[in-house]
Amino acid sequence: MRIKTNTIEINYELSGKEGAPVVVLSHSLASSLMMWNPQMEALNPHFQVLRYDMRGHGKSDITSGPYTLDLLADDVIGLLDALKIDRVHFVGLSIGGMIGQSLALNHAHRLRSLTLCDTASMILQEAQPIWQERIDKTISKGMEAQVDETMERWFTPPFLKQGSPMLDIIRKQILATSVQGYIGCSEAIRKLNYLDRLPEIKLPTLIMVGEDDPGTPVSASKAMHGRLSNSKLVILSSARHLSNIEQAKAFNEILLKFLKDQ
């Protein structure tokens, strides 16, 4: 389904238990709402689940960049307004978690709770050349140049060898991401700087991270946990960046318990 907000058309899917509280799922860079397939069976019996393609990804509109995290958060508010949804539980992974922090800082009254998965609150200066290299490579060689190294960052070698059907889905999502959308969101990520403002967030917050995540390591989650007074930190063993896929069973159990407790 696509719906017009104030600025763009957003592709979304609303499923689950009618009349129940709404859980919003926000995906990673170079992915789409399909990233959350492993969570749907667990969440749908208990909640309404709203998953969407962020700007420049999936079937949502592509606009010229660079984007900002506040712009991407405003897209979420626009989607909720268009669907006449007041307050939600927000679950974001990677850039999705960065968008969640913007929402919690600027639109806290629209959130029931916040779940931050495999994400961070600050991009250090020494990481800027890495992001510039990724952007330059994508401009010159397209998304094909990002696939293999991205899959290696996102999943442990044993999981890659297992041949899960989700691996093929994720690989195809990376390839299908527009260069413009990838670069726009990369520019938003590299300006991330919420760490000092985190104590302003009082919402119940769950932080989950794969213990082997190289991109947003456990240390980044511990830094958030130390500044979020109402937070719980869970480290998932044998998982890299897309812990919701690699350790779906544990991820779902922890997430469901947290959401039901709110």
Protein backbone atom coordinates (compact mmCIF):
# COMPACT_ATOMS: atom_id res chain seq x y z
CA MET A 1 0.00 0.00 0.00
CA ARG A 2 1.15 3.54 -0.74
CA ILE A 3 -0.15 6.63 0.99
CA LYS A 4 0.49 10.32 0.38
CA THR A 5 1.95 12.30 3.28
CA ASN A 6 2.80 16.01 3.34
CA THR A 7 5.89 15.55 1.19
CA ILE A 8 6.14 12.05 -0.32
CA GLU A 9 4.28 8.82 -0.98
CA ILE A 10 5.30 6.09 1.45
CA ASN A 11 4.91 2.37 0.88
CA TYR A 12 3.64 0.57 3.98
CA GLU A 13 1.96 -2.56 5.27
CA LEU A 14 -0.46 -2.62 8.22
CA SER A 15 -1.27 -6.06 9.61
CA GLY A 16 -2.02 -7.87 12.82
CA LYS A 17 -4.65 -7.61 15.56
CA GLU A 18 -7.26 -4.97 14.79
CA GLY A 19 -7.75 -2.47 17.58
CA ALA A 20 -4.52 -3.43 19.35
CA PRO A 21 -1.68 -0.94 20.00
CA VAL A 22 0.44 -0.19 16.93
CA VAL A 23 4.08 -1.26 16.61
CA VAL A 24 6.08 0.57 13.91
CA LEU A 25 9.07 -1.27 12.41
CA SER A 26 11.80 0.83 10.75
CA HIS A 27 14.42 -0.97 8.66
CA SER A 28 18.15 -0.55 8.00
CA LEU A 29 19.96 1.27 5.22
CA ALA A 30 19.75 -0.54 1.84
CA SER A 31 16.80 -2.68 2.89
CA SER A 32 13.01 -2.46 2.98
CA LEU A 33 10.03 -3.45 5.09
CA MET A 34 10.73 -7.07 4.07
CA MET A 35 13.66 -7.06 6.50
CA TRP A 36 11.09 -7.56 9.26
CA ASN A 37 9.57 -10.76 7.83
CA PRO A 38 10.97 -12.89 10.72
CA GLN A 39 9.09 -10.74 13.27
CA MET A 40 5.62 -10.81 11.73
CA GLU A 41 4.42 -14.18 13.01
CA ALA A 42 5.42 -13.24 16.57
CA LEU A 43 3.96 -9.71 16.59
CA ASN A 44 0.78 -10.00 14.51
CA PRO A 45 -1.31 -11.98 17.05
CA HIS A 46 -0.76 -9.32 19.74
CA PHE A 47 -0.35 -5.96 17.98
CA GLN A 48 -1.17 -4.01 14.87
CA VAL A 49 2.14 -3.93 13.00
CA LEU A 50 3.01 -1.01 10.72
CA ARG A 51 6.12 -1.51 8.65
CA TYR A 52 7.17 0.89 5.92
CA ASP A 53 9.85 1.62 3.31
CA MET A 54 11.81 4.71 4.27
CA ARG A 55 12.42 7.53 1.82
CA GLY A 56 14.61 6.41 -1.09
CA HIS A 57 14.05 2.72 -0.35
CA GLY A 58 11.71 -0.05 -1.46
CA LYS A 59 8.57 1.29 -3.09
CA SER A 60 8.55 4.67 -1.33
CA ASP A 61 9.37 7.87 -3.20
CA ILE A 62 12.97 8.74 -3.98
CA THR A 63 13.87 12.40 -3.52
CA SER A 64 17.10 14.31 -4.01
CA GLY A 65 19.41 14.31 -1.00
CA PRO A 66 21.09 14.67 1.29
CA TYR A 67 18.48 13.56 3.82
CA THR A 68 18.56 14.24 7.56
CA LEU A 69 17.43 12.04 10.43
CA ASP A 70 14.87 14.68 11.39
CA LEU A 71 13.46 14.58 7.84
CA LEU A 72 13.21 10.78 7.99
CA ALA A 73 11.52 11.06 11.40
CA ASP A 74 9.07 13.60 9.99
CA ASP A 75 8.24 11.01 7.31
CA VAL A 76 7.15 8.65 10.10
CA ILE A 77 4.98 11.35 11.68
CA GLY A 78 3.49 12.08 8.24
CA LEU A 79 2.69 8.38 7.79
CA LEU A 80 1.05 8.15 11.23
CA ASP A 81 -0.98 11.29 10.56
CA ALA A 82 -2.12 10.01 7.15
CA LEU A 83 -3.22 6.74 8.75
CA LYS A 84 -4.79 8.58 11.73
CA ILE A 85 -2.63 6.73 14.25
CA ASP A 86 -1.89 8.65 17.44
CA ARG A 87 0.73 6.82 19.54
CA VAL A 88 2.93 3.84 18.71
CA HIS A 89 5.63 1.54 19.96
CA PHE A 90 8.61 2.31 17.70
CA VAL A 91 11.16 -0.36 16.80
CA GLY A 92 14.13 0.69 14.67
CA LEU A 93 17.26 -1.14 13.57
CA SER A 94 20.44 0.64 12.40
CA ILE A 95 19.29 3.89 10.73
CA GLY A 96 15.81 2.92 11.89
CA GLY A 97 17.06 3.24 15.47
CA MET A 98 18.59 6.61 14.67
CA ILE A 99 15.20 7.74 13.35
CA GLY A 100 13.68 6.43 16.57
CA GLN A 101 15.99 8.65 18.62
CA SER A 102 14.93 11.69 16.58
CA LEU A 103 11.28 10.80 17.20
CA ALA A 104 11.86 10.35 20.92
CA LEU A 105 13.65 13.69 21.16
CA ASN A 106 11.25 15.71 19.00
CA HIS A 107 7.91 13.86 19.05
CA ALA A 108 7.93 11.92 22.34
CA HIS A 109 4.17 12.38 22.77
CA ARG A 110 3.61 10.12 19.73
CA LEU A 111 5.53 7.18 21.25
CA ARG A 112 4.51 4.56 23.82
CA SER A 113 7.98 3.01 23.90
CA LEU A 114 11.25 2.90 21.99
CA THR A 115 13.29 -0.10 20.85
CA LEU A 116 16.79 0.58 19.50
CA CYS A 117 18.42 -2.34 17.69
CA ASP A 118 22.00 -2.51 16.39
CA THR A 119 22.29 1.25 16.24
CA ALA A 120 24.29 4.16 17.65
CA SER A 121 23.86 7.74 18.84
CA MET A 122 26.99 9.27 17.36
CA ILE A 123 29.21 8.77 14.32
CA LEU A 124 32.76 9.50 15.33
CA GLN A 125 34.99 11.74 13.21
CA GLU A 126 37.31 8.84 12.40
CA ALA A 127 34.39 6.99 10.76
CA GLN A 128 33.70 9.80 8.26
CA PRO A 129 36.22 8.52 5.66
CA ILE A 130 34.50 5.10 5.73
CA TRP A 131 31.16 6.68 4.89
CA GLN A 132 32.72 8.85 2.19
CA GLU A 133 34.33 5.77 0.65
CA ARG A 134 31.00 3.93 0.57
CA ILE A 135 29.28 6.92 -1.01
CA ASP A 136 32.02 7.36 -3.63
CA LYS A 137 32.02 3.65 -4.48
CA THR A 138 28.23 3.63 -4.88
CA ILE A 139 28.31 6.67 -7.16
CA SER A 140 30.99 5.13 -9.38
CA LYS A 141 29.98 1.44 -9.34
CA GLY A 142 26.36 1.26 -8.20
CA MET A 143 24.81 -0.84 -5.45
CA GLU A 144 26.42 -4.00 -6.81
CA ALA A 145 29.69 -2.77 -5.28
CA GLN A 146 28.11 -2.79 -1.81
CA VAL A 147 26.51 -6.24 -1.73
CA ASP A 148 29.26 -8.62 -0.61
CA GLU A 149 30.88 -6.43 2.03
CA THR A 150 27.46 -5.43 3.37
CA MET A 151 26.37 -9.05 3.75
CA GLU A 152 29.62 -9.79 5.60
CA ARG A 153 29.03 -6.87 7.98
CA TRP A 154 25.44 -7.88 8.58
CA PHE A 155 25.79 -11.65 9.20
CA THR A 156 28.33 -13.96 10.85
CA PRO A 157 30.17 -16.43 8.58
CA PRO A 158 28.33 -19.48 10.02
CA PHE A 159 24.95 -17.87 9.31
CA LEU A 160 25.98 -16.95 5.76
CA LYS A 161 26.88 -20.61 5.18
CA GLN A 162 23.48 -21.84 6.40
CA GLY A 163 21.71 -20.44 3.35
CA SER A 164 18.65 -18.99 5.10
CA PRO A 165 15.98 -17.81 2.60
CA MET A 166 16.23 -14.37 4.23
CA LEU A 167 19.79 -14.01 2.92
CA ASP A 168 18.55 -14.01 -0.66
CA ILE A 169 15.82 -11.52 0.22
CA ILE A 170 18.30 -9.15 1.88
CA ARG A 171 20.78 -9.45 -0.98
CA LYS A 172 18.03 -8.53 -3.46
CA GLN A 173 16.94 -5.60 -1.29
CA ILE A 174 20.46 -4.17 -1.30
CA LEU A 175 20.63 -4.43 -5.10
CA ALA A 176 17.16 -2.91 -5.48
CA THR A 177 17.96 0.16 -3.35
CA SER A 178 18.31 3.33 -5.41
CA VAL A 179 21.74 4.96 -5.43
CA GLN A 180 20.06 8.28 -4.64
CA GLY A 181 18.24 6.81 -1.62
CA TYR A 182 21.35 5.04 -0.36
CA ILE A 183 23.45 8.19 -0.56
CA GLY A 184 20.70 10.39 0.91
CA CYS A 185 20.36 8.14 3.97
CA SER A 186 24.14 7.66 4.27
CA GLU A 187 24.50 11.43 4.55
CA ALA A 188 21.89 11.42 7.31
CA ILE A 189 23.73 8.68 9.20
CA ARG A 190 27.13 10.34 9.04
CA LYS A 191 25.73 13.46 10.77
CA LEU A 192 24.34 11.43 13.69
CA ASN A 193 25.01 13.24 16.98
CA TYR A 194 22.35 12.52 19.62
CA LEU A 195 24.53 11.07 22.38
CA ASP A 196 24.59 14.15 24.64
CA ARG A 197 20.81 14.61 24.29
CA LEU A 198 19.85 11.05 25.21
CA PRO A 199 19.16 11.87 28.90
CA GLU A 200 16.17 13.90 27.64
CA ILE A 201 14.48 10.63 26.61
CA LYS A 202 12.37 9.19 29.43
CA LEU A 203 10.41 6.63 27.41
CA PRO A 204 10.67 2.93 28.27
CA THR A 205 13.51 1.84 25.99
CA LEU A 206 14.80 -1.57 24.96
CA ILE A 207 18.29 -1.70 23.45
CA MET A 208 19.28 -4.88 21.58
CA VAL A 209 22.57 -5.54 19.78
CA GLY A 210 24.36 -8.48 18.23
CA GLU A 211 27.52 -9.21 20.20
CA ASP A 212 29.56 -9.42 16.97
CA ASP A 213 28.08 -6.33 15.25
CA PRO A 214 31.06 -4.53 13.67
CA GLY A 215 29.19 -1.46 12.42
CA THR A 216 27.28 -0.44 15.53
CA PRO A 217 29.19 -2.39 18.19
CA VAL A 218 28.16 -3.33 21.70
CA SER A 219 30.11 -0.33 23.01
CA ALA A 220 27.71 2.00 21.15
CA SER A 221 24.71 0.31 22.78
CA LYS A 222 26.36 0.51 26.20
CA ALA A 223 26.94 4.24 25.65
CA MET A 224 23.21 4.69 24.93
CA HIS A 225 22.17 2.51 27.86
CA GLY A 226 24.29 4.59 30.22
CA ARG A 227 22.46 7.78 29.20
CA LEU A 228 18.89 6.45 28.91
CA SER A 229 17.55 6.28 32.46
CA ASN A 230 14.58 4.05 31.58
CA SER A 231 16.41 1.55 29.37
CA LYS A 232 17.23 -2.15 29.30
CA LEU A 233 20.21 -3.55 27.34
CA VAL A 234 20.23 -7.02 25.80
CA ILE A 235 23.26 -8.41 23.94
CA LEU A 236 22.40 -11.22 21.51
CA SER A 237 25.09 -13.86 21.08
CA SER A 238 26.18 -15.15 17.66
CA ALA A 239 24.80 -12.19 15.72
CA ARG A 240 26.15 -9.30 13.70
CA HIS A 241 24.18 -6.29 12.44
CA LEU A 242 20.83 -7.78 11.42
CA SER A 243 20.27 -9.53 14.72
CA ASN A 244 16.51 -9.62 14.08
CA ILE A 245 17.23 -12.13 11.28
CA GLU A 246 20.25 -14.02 12.58
CA GLN A 247 18.78 -14.58 16.06
CA ALA A 248 15.11 -14.15 15.23
CA LYS A 249 13.76 -16.46 17.96
CA ALA A 250 15.60 -14.75 20.82
CA PHE A 251 15.01 -11.30 19.30
CA ASN A 252 11.25 -11.93 19.02
CA GLU A 253 10.90 -13.31 22.55
CA ILE A 254 12.70 -10.35 24.11
CA LEU A 255 10.89 -7.78 21.97
CA LEU A 256 7.44 -9.29 22.58
CA LYS A 257 7.93 -9.41 26.35
CA PHE A 258 9.10 -5.78 26.41
CA LEU A 259 6.18 -4.56 24.30
CA LYS A 260 3.59 -6.49 26.32
CA ASP A 261 4.98 -5.01 29.56
CA GLN A 262 4.39 -1.42 28.44
